[in-house]
Amino acid sequence: MNGSAIERIVIVGGGTAGWMTAAALAHRLQGLPVSITLVESEEIGTVGVGEATVPHIRFFNARLGIDEADFMRRTSATFKLGIEFRNWGRKGDSYIHPFGVFGEEIEGVAFHHLWARFARAGGRDAVEAFSLPVLAARMDRFAHPDSDPESLLSTYSYAYQFDAGLYAAYLRAYAEARGVRRVEGRITAALQHAETGFVDSVVLESGERVAGELFVDCSGFRGLLIEQALHAGYEDWSHWLPCDRAVAVPCRSEAALSPYTRATALDAGWAWRIPLQHRVGNGHVYCSSHISDEAARDALLGQIEGEPIAEPRLLRFTTGRRRKQWDRNVVAIGLAAGFLEPLESTSIHLIQLAIGRLLDHWPDRDWDPFCAREYNRLMDLEYERVRDFLILHYHATERDDTPFWRQVRTMAVPESLAHRLETFRKRGVVVNYRDGMFLDASWIAVYLGQRVIPEAGDPRSEALSDAGLMLRLAAMRDDYARMAAQLPTQAAFLARIGANAS
C-alpha cells in the first residue's frame, strides 16, 4: 500500500444509518476524487422505529445545510422538548427528562442542591416546576430557544420526532444529488484479501461485484461484514438490560401534538409513544422471559390511543455492542455496531456520533492502526455511558410488583454506575466524565424523577433560611410558569414557520 487517499467507499445497507452516512460523507468529501456507493435491497426491510431523537440531530442537519421547515414538512416531524417517564419510580409517578436545565443557581450553589434542601424541608413543588421545557411540554407548547443568555428561553434545547423511513428517503435524495450511487441488490458474499482479511468487494445475487477500499457496514442486526465476514464478536449486556424484544405499531393520532416522547413502564418492560404530524408511533419493549409475545402484543394494542394503521411488527435483539466496531477496513455504524434499546432515543445519535468519529479519524490506504484503535476506544466509551444511563432507569426504582421489576431493582449494576449512584445519593454530586452524551441535567432529571434524593449536599445551601429559600424558589417557579403560558401551541408554531406536513 502506498499511503494514497481512499477513493472508493462502499456503504452496505440503507435505512437511517446508511443514508445518514452517505449524506454526511457526500457533503464532507464533496470535490475530492472519491466515489461513494450504497448497496441496499428493497426486499430487506429496515427496523424503522427510531423516530425520536436528541438535540444533536439538529446540528447534523445544520451541517448539511438542511432547512428545518422543509425537513419537518417532508418527514412529518414534530418538535421534542424531552421524554416523559410514567410508572418508573413507582406506579402513578410521572416525570419528564427535559432537554434543558432545572432552575438557577443561587449565590453559586447548584439548583439541585437547593431543591433537595427545599424538599427535605417539606417543600411541595416538584422539581419540574423549575423547568421551562417541562412546563411547555405538559401544555403542548413550543418555541425556538433564545440566544440571549439572560432569557428563560435560553434554558433549553430541542430535538425532533419524525418518520424514520421518510428521513432516510429525504437523505437519499440529498446524497444522490451529491453524487452517491445507489445499487439495488441483495449481497450474497463478501470477498476478502487472502493475506490481510480486508474486504475487497461484495457480491450481489445478480453476480455483480461492488469493489471498494473502505466499507461501512449499515446492514443492521445481521452485521453482514463486521460479524458475518470479519467475526468481530459481540459483547452481550442483557444481564443488565434484559429486554430482548419489541413489538411496534403505528396508529392514528387522536390527541394534540405533544412536544415530547412518552415511555410508560409496564409489567415486563415499557411502551413508547412518539407523536408525529400524521400518526403516532407506538411500541412495547419487553423481556421475553417474563411475558409472551402474544401477551406483549395485547398489552401494546390495549393502550394505544387510536386505530392501528398497520400490523404489529415483532423485533428480536440482544442489547450490547460489537467488540470491534472498526475492524480492518470495515466500520460498523447503526445496529450493525450494537444495540441499546430506545429508552432515551439514543440510536440515531449513536449513528451521528459514529459518522463524526469516522471523519475525525479518516484513514488512508496505509491503514494506520491508530485510527481504528482510537475510534473503537471512543465509541466503546460512548456505548458504556449510554448503557449506564439506561440501566439507571430500571435499577433506580421502588417497584416490586412484578418479577421483572424485582429482578432489575435488585440486580448488580456496573461499578461505574454504582459509583455514580452512591455519590449522588450521599452528597448530591453528579460525577462527570470527559466522554458521554448525557450531561448533568439529564442525570439529575432521572435521579430526582425516580426519587433518588441526596441525603446531604453543598453546605452553602444552608446559608439561606428555610423561609428565605421558599420565597426565592416561589418567585423562580412563578417566572417559569408565566413564560410557559406565553408560548404558542406546537401546532400553531409549526404553522407559523411553514413546517406542516402536506
Protein backbone atom coordinates (compact mmCIF):
# COMPACT_ATOMS: atom_id res chain seq x y z
CA MET A 1 0.00 0.00 0.00
CA ASN A 2 1.31 3.42 -0.98
CA GLY A 3 -0.43 5.71 1.51
CA SER A 4 -2.63 7.39 -1.08
CA ALA A 5 -6.08 8.65 -0.24
CA ILE A 6 -9.07 6.37 -0.24
CA GLU A 7 -11.01 6.73 -3.47
CA ARG A 8 -13.78 4.11 -3.25
CA ILE A 9 -16.24 3.92 -0.35
CA VAL A 10 -18.95 1.28 -0.19
CA ILE A 11 -21.86 1.55 2.26
CA VAL A 12 -23.63 -1.75 2.84
CA GLY A 13 -27.28 -1.18 3.72
CA GLY A 14 -29.61 1.80 3.54
CA GLY A 15 -32.16 2.84 6.12
CA THR A 16 -31.43 5.64 8.55
CA ALA A 17 -27.83 4.59 9.26
CA GLY A 18 -26.88 4.04 5.63
CA TRP A 19 -28.35 7.23 4.24
CA MET A 20 -27.16 9.39 7.14
CA THR A 21 -23.67 8.06 6.45
CA ALA A 22 -23.99 8.59 2.70
CA ALA A 23 -25.29 12.15 3.10
CA ALA A 24 -22.60 13.14 5.60
CA LEU A 25 -19.73 11.66 3.57
CA ALA A 26 -21.03 13.16 0.33
CA HIS A 27 -21.16 16.58 1.98
CA ARG A 28 -17.79 16.35 3.72
CA LEU A 29 -15.89 14.82 0.78
CA GLN A 30 -17.51 16.87 -1.97
CA GLY A 31 -14.98 17.94 -4.58
CA LEU A 32 -12.49 15.19 -3.74
CA PRO A 33 -11.69 12.32 -6.13
CA VAL A 34 -13.74 9.77 -4.22
CA SER A 35 -16.74 7.64 -5.17
CA ILE A 36 -19.46 6.62 -2.70
CA THR A 37 -21.66 3.62 -3.48
CA LEU A 38 -24.54 2.45 -1.32
CA VAL A 39 -25.82 -1.08 -1.78
CA GLU A 40 -29.28 -1.96 -0.49
CA SER A 41 -32.12 -4.31 -1.31
CA GLU A 42 -35.76 -3.31 -1.28
CA GLU A 43 -36.52 -6.93 -0.33
CA ILE A 44 -34.83 -6.44 3.04
CA GLY A 45 -36.87 -4.31 5.40
CA THR A 46 -35.39 -1.81 7.83
CA VAL A 47 -36.20 -1.62 11.52
CA GLY A 48 -37.58 1.88 11.03
CA VAL A 49 -38.84 2.50 14.58
CA GLY A 50 -36.21 5.06 15.60
CA GLU A 51 -38.47 8.07 15.26
CA ALA A 52 -37.39 10.05 18.34
CA THR A 53 -34.09 11.89 18.63
CA VAL A 54 -31.96 14.01 20.94
CA PRO A 55 -30.87 17.61 20.22
CA HIS A 56 -27.61 16.63 18.50
CA ILE A 57 -29.62 15.78 15.34
CA ARG A 58 -30.23 19.50 14.78
CA PHE A 59 -26.52 20.09 14.35
CA PHE A 60 -26.18 17.13 11.97
CA ASN A 61 -28.91 18.59 9.75
CA ALA A 62 -27.49 22.10 10.03
CA ARG A 63 -24.03 20.98 8.94
CA LEU A 64 -25.60 19.51 5.82
CA GLY A 65 -27.34 22.81 5.14
CA ILE A 66 -30.81 21.30 5.58
CA ASP A 67 -33.66 23.77 6.04
CA GLU A 68 -35.59 22.91 9.21
CA ALA A 69 -39.09 23.69 7.94
CA ASP A 70 -38.56 21.77 4.69
CA PHE A 71 -37.16 18.77 6.57
CA MET A 72 -40.09 18.80 9.03
CA ARG A 73 -42.70 19.02 6.27
CA ARG A 74 -41.20 16.13 4.36
CA THR A 75 -40.69 13.83 7.35
CA SER A 76 -43.96 14.70 9.15
CA ALA A 77 -41.83 15.81 12.08
CA THR A 78 -42.78 17.35 15.40
CA PHE A 79 -40.62 19.15 17.94
CA LYS A 80 -39.42 17.37 21.05
CA LEU A 81 -38.58 19.01 24.38
CA GLY A 82 -37.91 15.82 26.34
CA ILE A 83 -39.18 12.39 27.37
CA GLU A 84 -41.93 11.67 29.85
CA PHE A 85 -41.44 8.62 32.09
CA ARG A 86 -44.55 7.13 33.65
CA ASN A 87 -44.60 4.49 36.40
CA TRP A 88 -40.81 4.13 36.63
CA GLY A 89 -40.04 5.08 40.23
CA ARG A 90 -43.42 3.97 41.49
CA LYS A 91 -46.71 3.21 39.82
CA GLY A 92 -48.51 6.51 39.30
CA ASP A 93 -45.29 8.55 39.02
CA SER A 94 -44.63 10.83 36.07
CA TYR A 95 -41.60 12.97 35.32
CA ILE A 96 -40.05 14.48 32.23
CA HIS A 97 -36.38 14.32 31.35
CA PRO A 98 -36.08 17.68 29.56
CA PHE A 99 -33.53 18.94 27.08
CA GLY A 100 -32.68 21.76 29.44
CA VAL A 101 -31.68 22.76 32.94
CA PHE A 102 -33.61 22.94 36.18
CA GLY A 103 -33.80 26.31 37.91
CA GLU A 104 -30.93 28.70 38.51
CA GLU A 105 -28.10 28.63 40.96
CA ILE A 106 -28.30 30.97 43.94
CA GLU A 107 -25.08 32.53 45.24
CA GLY A 108 -23.01 29.90 43.45
CA VAL A 109 -25.00 26.90 44.73
CA ALA A 110 -26.27 24.49 42.05
CA PHE A 111 -30.05 24.40 41.86
CA HIS A 112 -30.47 20.68 42.56
CA HIS A 113 -28.77 21.15 45.94
CA LEU A 114 -31.20 23.96 46.74
CA TRP A 115 -34.20 21.95 45.61
CA ALA A 116 -33.09 18.88 47.59
CA ARG A 117 -32.84 21.01 50.73
CA PHE A 118 -36.24 22.54 49.88
CA ALA A 119 -37.74 19.04 49.53
CA ARG A 120 -36.19 17.85 52.79
CA ALA A 121 -37.70 20.91 54.50
CA GLY A 122 -41.18 19.99 53.29
CA GLY A 123 -41.37 21.97 50.04
CA ARG A 124 -44.20 20.73 47.85
CA ASP A 125 -43.19 21.94 44.37
CA ALA A 126 -41.86 19.16 42.15
CA VAL A 127 -38.53 19.86 40.51
CA GLU A 128 -40.25 20.09 37.12
CA ALA A 129 -41.94 23.34 38.26
CA PHE A 130 -38.50 24.91 37.72
CA SER A 131 -38.01 23.72 34.14
CA LEU A 132 -39.39 25.71 31.22
CA PRO A 133 -39.21 22.82 28.71
CA VAL A 134 -41.09 20.52 31.09
CA LEU A 135 -43.84 23.08 31.72
CA ALA A 136 -44.12 23.82 27.99
CA ALA A 137 -44.22 20.12 27.15
CA ARG A 138 -47.03 19.50 29.64
CA MET A 139 -49.03 22.27 27.91
CA ASP A 140 -48.22 21.08 24.33
CA ARG A 141 -46.42 24.39 23.71
CA PHE A 142 -43.21 25.14 21.84
CA ALA A 143 -41.00 27.97 20.63
CA HIS A 144 -37.42 28.09 19.45
CA PRO A 145 -34.87 28.81 22.19
CA ASP A 146 -33.49 32.33 22.51
CA SER A 147 -29.79 33.05 22.09
CA ASP A 148 -29.91 35.71 24.84
CA PRO A 149 -28.41 34.01 27.94
CA GLU A 150 -30.47 36.33 30.19
CA SER A 151 -33.75 34.99 28.81
CA LEU A 152 -35.57 31.97 30.26
CA LEU A 153 -35.98 30.92 26.63
CA SER A 154 -32.25 30.18 26.56
CA THR A 155 -32.56 27.45 29.22
CA TYR A 156 -33.45 24.57 26.90
CA SER A 157 -32.72 22.86 23.62
CA TYR A 158 -34.93 20.67 21.45
CA ALA A 159 -34.93 17.68 19.13
CA TYR A 160 -37.33 16.13 16.61
CA GLN A 161 -39.75 13.25 16.34
CA PHE A 162 -40.01 12.11 12.72
CA ASP A 163 -40.83 9.24 10.39
CA ALA A 164 -37.52 7.37 10.07
CA GLY A 165 -38.45 5.97 6.66
CA LEU A 166 -39.22 9.43 5.32
CA TYR A 167 -35.99 10.76 6.83
CA ALA A 168 -33.97 8.04 5.07
CA ALA A 169 -35.71 8.92 1.78
CA TYR A 170 -35.01 12.62 2.37
CA LEU A 171 -31.31 11.96 2.94
CA ARG A 172 -31.19 9.59 -0.03
CA ALA A 173 -32.33 12.41 -2.31
CA TYR A 174 -29.74 14.70 -0.69
CA ALA A 175 -26.93 12.15 -1.10
CA GLU A 176 -27.75 11.16 -4.67
CA ALA A 177 -27.86 14.83 -5.67
CA ARG A 178 -24.25 15.00 -4.47
CA GLY A 179 -23.01 12.01 -6.42
CA VAL A 180 -23.75 8.97 -4.26
CA ARG A 181 -24.54 5.95 -6.44
CA ARG A 182 -27.20 3.55 -5.18
CA VAL A 183 -27.02 -0.10 -6.24
CA GLU A 184 -30.07 -2.29 -5.78
CA GLY A 185 -29.39 -5.89 -4.84
CA ARG A 186 -29.07 -8.47 -2.13
CA ILE A 187 -25.49 -9.21 -1.05
CA THR A 188 -24.63 -12.90 -1.07
CA ALA A 189 -20.92 -12.84 -0.25
CA ALA A 190 -18.03 -10.65 0.84
CA LEU A 191 -14.70 -11.34 -0.85
CA GLN A 192 -11.62 -10.80 1.33
CA HIS A 193 -7.92 -10.37 0.63
CA ALA A 194 -6.21 -13.72 1.17
CA GLU A 195 -3.43 -12.30 3.37
CA THR A 196 -4.91 -9.33 5.23
CA GLY A 197 -8.54 -10.39 5.52
CA PHE A 198 -9.58 -6.93 4.32
CA VAL A 199 -12.85 -6.86 2.38
CA ASP A 200 -12.17 -6.30 -1.31
CA SER A 201 -15.71 -6.42 -2.66
CA VAL A 202 -19.24 -7.57 -2.06
CA VAL A 203 -21.06 -9.89 -4.44
CA LEU A 204 -24.72 -9.38 -5.30
CA GLU A 205 -27.31 -12.02 -6.09
CA SER A 206 -27.09 -10.94 -9.73
CA GLY A 207 -23.38 -11.78 -9.77
CA GLU A 208 -22.31 -8.13 -9.86
CA ARG A 209 -19.32 -7.23 -7.71
CA VAL A 210 -19.00 -3.90 -5.96
CA ALA A 211 -15.40 -3.20 -5.03
CA GLY A 212 -14.15 -0.69 -2.52
CA GLU A 213 -11.36 0.32 -0.17
CA LEU A 214 -13.37 1.48 2.85
CA PHE A 215 -16.58 -0.41 3.68
CA VAL A 216 -19.21 0.97 6.06
CA ASP A 217 -21.47 -1.77 7.41
CA CYS A 218 -25.00 -0.42 7.92
CA SER A 219 -26.66 -3.82 7.45
CA GLY A 220 -28.47 -3.81 10.78
CA PHE A 221 -28.52 -6.57 13.36
CA ARG A 222 -27.04 -9.03 10.83
CA GLY A 223 -23.68 -7.27 10.74
CA LEU A 224 -23.14 -8.61 7.24
CA LEU A 225 -19.49 -7.54 7.05
CA ILE A 226 -18.40 -6.74 10.61
CA GLU A 227 -19.70 -10.02 12.03
CA GLN A 228 -20.52 -12.49 9.28
CA ALA A 229 -17.31 -11.80 7.34
CA LEU A 230 -14.84 -10.46 9.94
CA HIS A 231 -16.23 -12.10 13.12
CA ALA A 232 -15.60 -9.01 15.25
CA GLY A 233 -17.51 -10.51 18.18
CA TYR A 234 -20.36 -9.18 20.30
CA GLU A 235 -20.43 -8.09 23.94
CA ASP A 236 -23.77 -9.11 25.43
CA TRP A 237 -25.24 -6.68 28.02
CA SER A 238 -28.58 -8.43 28.51
CA HIS A 239 -27.71 -9.29 32.12
CA TRP A 240 -28.06 -5.54 32.81
CA LEU A 241 -30.64 -4.68 30.15
CA PRO A 242 -32.75 -7.85 29.93
CA CYS A 243 -35.41 -6.61 27.50
CA ASP A 244 -34.81 -8.55 24.29
CA ARG A 245 -37.87 -7.98 22.11
CA ALA A 246 -40.13 -5.22 20.90
CA VAL A 247 -43.44 -5.05 19.11
CA ALA A 248 -44.23 -1.86 17.20
CA VAL A 249 -47.35 -0.46 15.56
CA PRO A 250 -48.37 2.99 14.29
CA CYS A 251 -51.85 4.37 14.94
CA ARG A 252 -53.99 7.34 14.02
CA SER A 253 -53.48 10.44 16.12
CA GLU A 254 -56.33 11.34 18.44
CA ALA A 255 -54.66 13.99 20.59
CA ALA A 256 -52.88 17.33 20.38
CA LEU A 257 -49.35 17.39 19.02
CA SER A 258 -47.27 16.72 22.12
CA PRO A 259 -43.68 18.05 22.01
CA TYR A 260 -42.32 15.06 23.90
CA THR A 261 -41.91 11.30 23.70
CA ARG A 262 -43.51 9.09 26.35
CA ALA A 263 -42.09 5.92 27.96
CA THR A 264 -44.57 4.09 30.18
CA ALA A 265 -43.28 1.30 32.39
CA LEU A 266 -45.39 -1.86 32.10
CA ASP A 267 -45.26 -5.22 33.90
CA ALA A 268 -42.29 -6.65 31.97
CA GLY A 269 -40.83 -3.68 30.14
CA TRP A 270 -42.12 -0.38 28.82
CA ALA A 271 -44.11 1.19 25.99
CA TRP A 272 -43.19 4.16 23.82
CA ARG A 273 -45.44 6.81 22.31
CA ILE A 274 -43.99 9.13 19.66
CA PRO A 275 -46.40 11.69 18.18
CA LEU A 276 -45.76 12.73 14.58
CA GLN A 277 -47.86 15.08 12.48
CA HIS A 278 -49.62 12.30 10.57
CA ARG A 279 -49.62 9.42 13.07
CA VAL A 280 -48.37 8.17 16.41
CA GLY A 281 -45.56 5.63 16.69
CA ASN A 282 -46.09 3.04 19.43
CA GLY A 283 -44.06 0.13 20.70
CA HIS A 284 -43.59 -2.23 23.62
CA VAL A 285 -40.05 -3.17 24.64
CA TYR A 286 -40.12 -6.25 26.86
CA CYS A 287 -38.28 -9.18 28.39
CA SER A 288 -39.39 -12.44 26.78
CA SER A 289 -38.58 -14.47 29.90
CA HIS A 290 -41.30 -12.55 31.76
CA ILE A 291 -44.04 -12.16 29.12
CA SER A 292 -45.05 -13.97 25.93
CA ASP A 293 -45.01 -12.31 22.53
CA GLU A 294 -48.79 -12.57 22.31
CA ALA A 295 -49.32 -11.00 25.74
CA ALA A 296 -46.85 -8.22 24.91
CA ARG A 297 -48.71 -7.51 21.67
CA ASP A 298 -52.04 -7.41 23.50
CA ALA A 299 -50.62 -5.09 26.17
CA LEU A 300 -49.48 -2.67 23.46
CA LEU A 301 -52.71 -2.73 21.48
CA GLY A 302 -54.68 -2.29 24.69
CA GLN A 303 -53.12 1.08 25.44
CA ILE A 304 -52.69 2.87 22.09
CA GLU A 305 -54.88 5.90 21.63
CA GLY A 306 -56.13 5.45 18.05
CA GLU A 307 -56.90 2.93 15.35
CA PRO A 308 -53.84 0.89 14.24
CA ILE A 309 -52.83 1.63 10.65
CA ALA A 310 -50.52 -1.38 10.17
CA GLU A 311 -49.98 -4.84 11.56
CA PRO A 312 -47.78 -5.02 14.70
CA ARG A 313 -44.14 -5.85 13.91
CA LEU A 314 -42.02 -8.08 16.15
CA LEU A 315 -38.31 -7.35 16.62
CA ARG A 316 -35.76 -9.51 18.43
CA PHE A 317 -32.48 -8.14 19.71
CA THR A 318 -29.66 -8.62 22.18
CA THR A 319 -28.53 -5.46 23.90
CA GLY A 320 -24.79 -4.88 23.60
CA ARG A 321 -22.09 -3.82 21.16
CA ARG A 322 -19.52 -5.26 18.77
CA ARG A 323 -16.18 -5.96 20.37
CA LYS A 324 -14.70 -4.06 17.43
CA GLN A 325 -16.83 -1.52 15.63
CA TRP A 326 -13.94 -0.79 13.26
CA ASP A 327 -12.11 -3.92 12.13
CA ARG A 328 -9.59 -3.80 9.28
CA ASN A 329 -11.26 -1.78 6.50
CA VAL A 330 -14.83 -2.16 7.79
CA VAL A 331 -16.57 0.33 10.09
CA ALA A 332 -19.93 -0.71 11.53
CA ILE A 333 -22.49 2.04 12.07
CA GLY A 334 -26.01 1.79 13.47
CA LEU A 335 -27.47 -1.55 14.52
CA ALA A 336 -24.51 -3.36 12.93
CA ALA A 337 -22.32 -1.75 15.63
CA GLY A 338 -24.56 -2.53 18.57
CA PHE A 339 -27.99 -2.04 20.04
CA LEU A 340 -29.05 -0.05 23.08
CA GLU A 341 -32.80 -0.08 23.50
CA PRO A 342 -34.64 3.13 22.52
CA LEU A 343 -35.47 4.26 26.06
CA GLU A 344 -33.60 7.58 25.72
CA SER A 345 -33.77 7.93 21.92
CA THR A 346 -30.05 7.32 21.51
CA SER A 347 -29.95 5.13 18.37
CA ILE A 348 -29.82 7.94 15.81
CA HIS A 349 -27.41 9.91 17.99
CA LEU A 350 -25.00 6.96 18.07
CA ILE A 351 -25.18 6.80 14.26
CA GLN A 352 -24.39 10.50 14.07
CA LEU A 353 -21.58 10.15 16.59
CA ALA A 354 -20.05 7.23 14.70
CA ILE A 355 -20.06 9.21 11.45
CA GLY A 356 -18.32 12.10 13.18
CA ARG A 357 -15.71 9.85 14.78
CA LEU A 358 -15.02 8.20 11.42
CA LEU A 359 -14.47 11.57 9.77
CA ASP A 360 -12.22 12.62 12.67
CA HIS A 361 -10.10 9.50 12.21
CA TRP A 362 -10.35 9.24 8.45
CA PRO A 363 -7.93 6.59 7.15
CA ASP A 364 -5.86 6.36 4.03
CA ARG A 365 -4.69 3.21 2.30
CA ASP A 366 -1.82 2.79 4.74
CA TRP A 367 -4.47 1.90 7.34
CA ASP A 368 -2.60 3.31 10.32
CA PRO A 369 -3.86 1.12 13.21
CA PHE A 370 -4.18 4.20 15.41
CA CYS A 371 -7.33 5.28 13.55
CA ALA A 372 -9.29 2.10 14.25
CA ARG A 373 -7.89 1.77 17.77
CA GLU A 374 -8.86 5.31 18.78
CA TYR A 375 -12.25 5.08 17.06
CA ASN A 376 -13.04 1.87 18.93
CA ARG A 377 -11.88 3.33 22.24
CA LEU A 378 -14.08 6.39 21.90
CA MET A 379 -17.14 4.51 20.65
CA ASP A 380 -16.76 1.91 23.42
CA LEU A 381 -16.84 4.72 25.98
CA GLU A 382 -19.92 6.28 24.41
CA TYR A 383 -21.80 2.99 24.41
CA GLU A 384 -20.84 2.34 28.04
CA ARG A 385 -22.01 5.78 29.15
CA VAL A 386 -25.36 5.33 27.41
CA ARG A 387 -25.63 1.79 28.80
CA ASP A 388 -25.18 3.05 32.36
CA PHE A 389 -27.76 5.80 31.88
CA LEU A 390 -30.33 3.30 30.59
CA ILE A 391 -29.66 0.85 33.42
CA LEU A 392 -30.25 3.69 35.91
CA HIS A 393 -33.90 3.95 34.81
CA TYR A 394 -34.52 0.28 35.61
CA HIS A 395 -32.42 -0.03 38.73
CA ALA A 396 -33.43 3.20 40.50
CA THR A 397 -36.98 2.02 41.12
CA GLU A 398 -39.04 1.21 44.17
CA ARG A 399 -41.32 -1.11 42.20
CA ASP A 400 -41.51 -4.72 43.32
CA ASP A 401 -44.96 -5.56 41.97
CA THR A 402 -43.77 -7.98 39.24
CA PRO A 403 -40.89 -10.45 38.88
CA PHE A 404 -39.35 -8.24 36.16
CA TRP A 405 -39.16 -5.15 38.38
CA ARG A 406 -37.86 -7.16 41.32
CA GLN A 407 -35.11 -8.51 39.05
CA VAL A 408 -33.88 -5.13 37.77
CA ARG A 409 -34.27 -3.38 41.13
CA THR A 410 -32.03 -5.89 42.91
CA MET A 411 -29.54 -6.77 40.17
CA ALA A 412 -25.85 -5.92 40.41
CA VAL A 413 -25.04 -2.97 38.17
CA PRO A 414 -21.74 -1.94 36.54
CA GLU A 415 -19.28 -0.46 39.03
CA SER A 416 -19.23 2.77 37.01
CA LEU A 417 -22.97 3.23 37.61
CA ALA A 418 -22.87 2.06 41.22
CA HIS A 419 -20.28 4.75 41.95
CA ARG A 420 -22.35 7.46 40.28
CA LEU A 421 -25.49 6.45 42.15
CA GLU A 422 -23.82 6.34 45.55
CA THR A 423 -22.05 9.66 45.02
CA PHE A 424 -25.31 11.42 44.16
CA ARG A 425 -27.34 9.69 46.86
CA LYS A 426 -24.81 10.55 49.58
CA ARG A 427 -23.72 14.06 48.59
CA GLY A 428 -25.73 15.22 45.56
CA VAL A 429 -22.60 15.23 43.38
CA VAL A 430 -23.04 14.40 39.69
CA VAL A 431 -19.95 12.51 38.58
CA ASN A 432 -18.60 13.99 35.35
CA TYR A 433 -16.91 12.13 32.51
CA ARG A 434 -14.95 13.62 29.65
CA ASP A 435 -16.87 11.49 27.15
CA GLY A 436 -20.59 10.76 27.16
CA MET A 437 -23.65 12.40 25.64
CA PHE A 438 -25.70 12.89 28.82
CA LEU A 439 -24.83 15.99 30.82
CA ASP A 440 -25.52 16.75 34.49
CA ALA A 441 -29.11 17.92 33.94
CA SER A 442 -30.05 14.60 32.34
CA TRP A 443 -28.72 12.55 35.26
CA ILE A 444 -30.38 14.93 37.73
CA ALA A 445 -33.73 14.56 35.91
CA VAL A 446 -33.71 10.79 36.31
CA TYR A 447 -32.27 10.76 39.83
CA LEU A 448 -34.86 13.17 41.18
CA GLY A 449 -37.66 11.87 38.96
CA GLN A 450 -37.13 8.39 40.38
CA ARG A 451 -36.79 9.56 43.98
CA VAL A 452 -33.03 9.35 44.39
CA ILE A 453 -32.82 12.36 46.70
CA PRO A 454 -29.41 13.34 48.12
CA GLU A 455 -29.03 12.72 51.84
CA ALA A 456 -26.75 15.77 52.09
CA GLY A 457 -25.39 18.39 49.74
CA ASP A 458 -23.48 21.59 49.25
CA PRO A 459 -23.14 23.13 52.73
CA ARG A 460 -23.57 26.59 51.23
CA SER A 461 -27.24 25.72 50.57
CA GLU A 462 -27.78 26.18 54.31
CA ALA A 463 -26.89 29.87 54.14
CA LEU A 464 -30.49 30.84 53.36
CA SER A 465 -33.18 30.39 55.99
CA ASP A 466 -35.99 27.98 55.20
CA ALA A 467 -38.35 30.90 54.71
CA GLY A 468 -35.85 32.74 52.51
CA LEU A 469 -35.28 29.69 50.35
CA MET A 470 -39.02 29.12 49.97
CA LEU A 471 -39.51 32.72 48.83
CA ARG A 472 -36.67 32.61 46.28
CA LEU A 473 -37.90 29.34 44.79
CA ALA A 474 -41.53 30.50 44.70
CA ALA A 475 -40.50 33.56 42.66
CA MET A 476 -38.45 31.38 40.33
CA ARG A 477 -41.35 28.92 39.92
CA ASP A 478 -43.76 31.71 39.03
CA ASP A 479 -41.39 33.11 36.40
CA TYR A 480 -41.18 29.74 34.64
CA ALA A 481 -44.96 29.25 34.77
CA ARG A 482 -45.64 32.69 33.26
CA MET A 483 -43.16 32.15 30.44
CA ALA A 484 -44.53 28.70 29.57
CA ALA A 485 -48.10 30.02 29.39
CA GLN A 486 -46.99 32.66 26.85
CA LEU A 487 -45.61 30.16 24.35
CA PRO A 488 -47.69 29.13 21.30
CA THR A 489 -49.02 25.62 20.92
CA GLN A 490 -46.82 23.32 18.89
CA ALA A 491 -49.47 23.12 16.16
CA ALA A 492 -49.56 26.92 15.90
CA PHE A 493 -45.76 27.15 15.83
CA LEU A 494 -45.47 24.53 13.07
CA ALA A 495 -47.96 26.52 11.01
CA ARG A 496 -46.13 29.78 11.72
CA ILE A 497 -42.81 28.51 10.32
CA GLY A 498 -44.40 26.61 7.42
CA ALA A 499 -43.44 23.15 8.72
CA ASN A 500 -46.86 21.47 8.42
CA ALA A 501 -46.75 18.18 6.55
CA SER A 502 -48.98 18.08 3.48
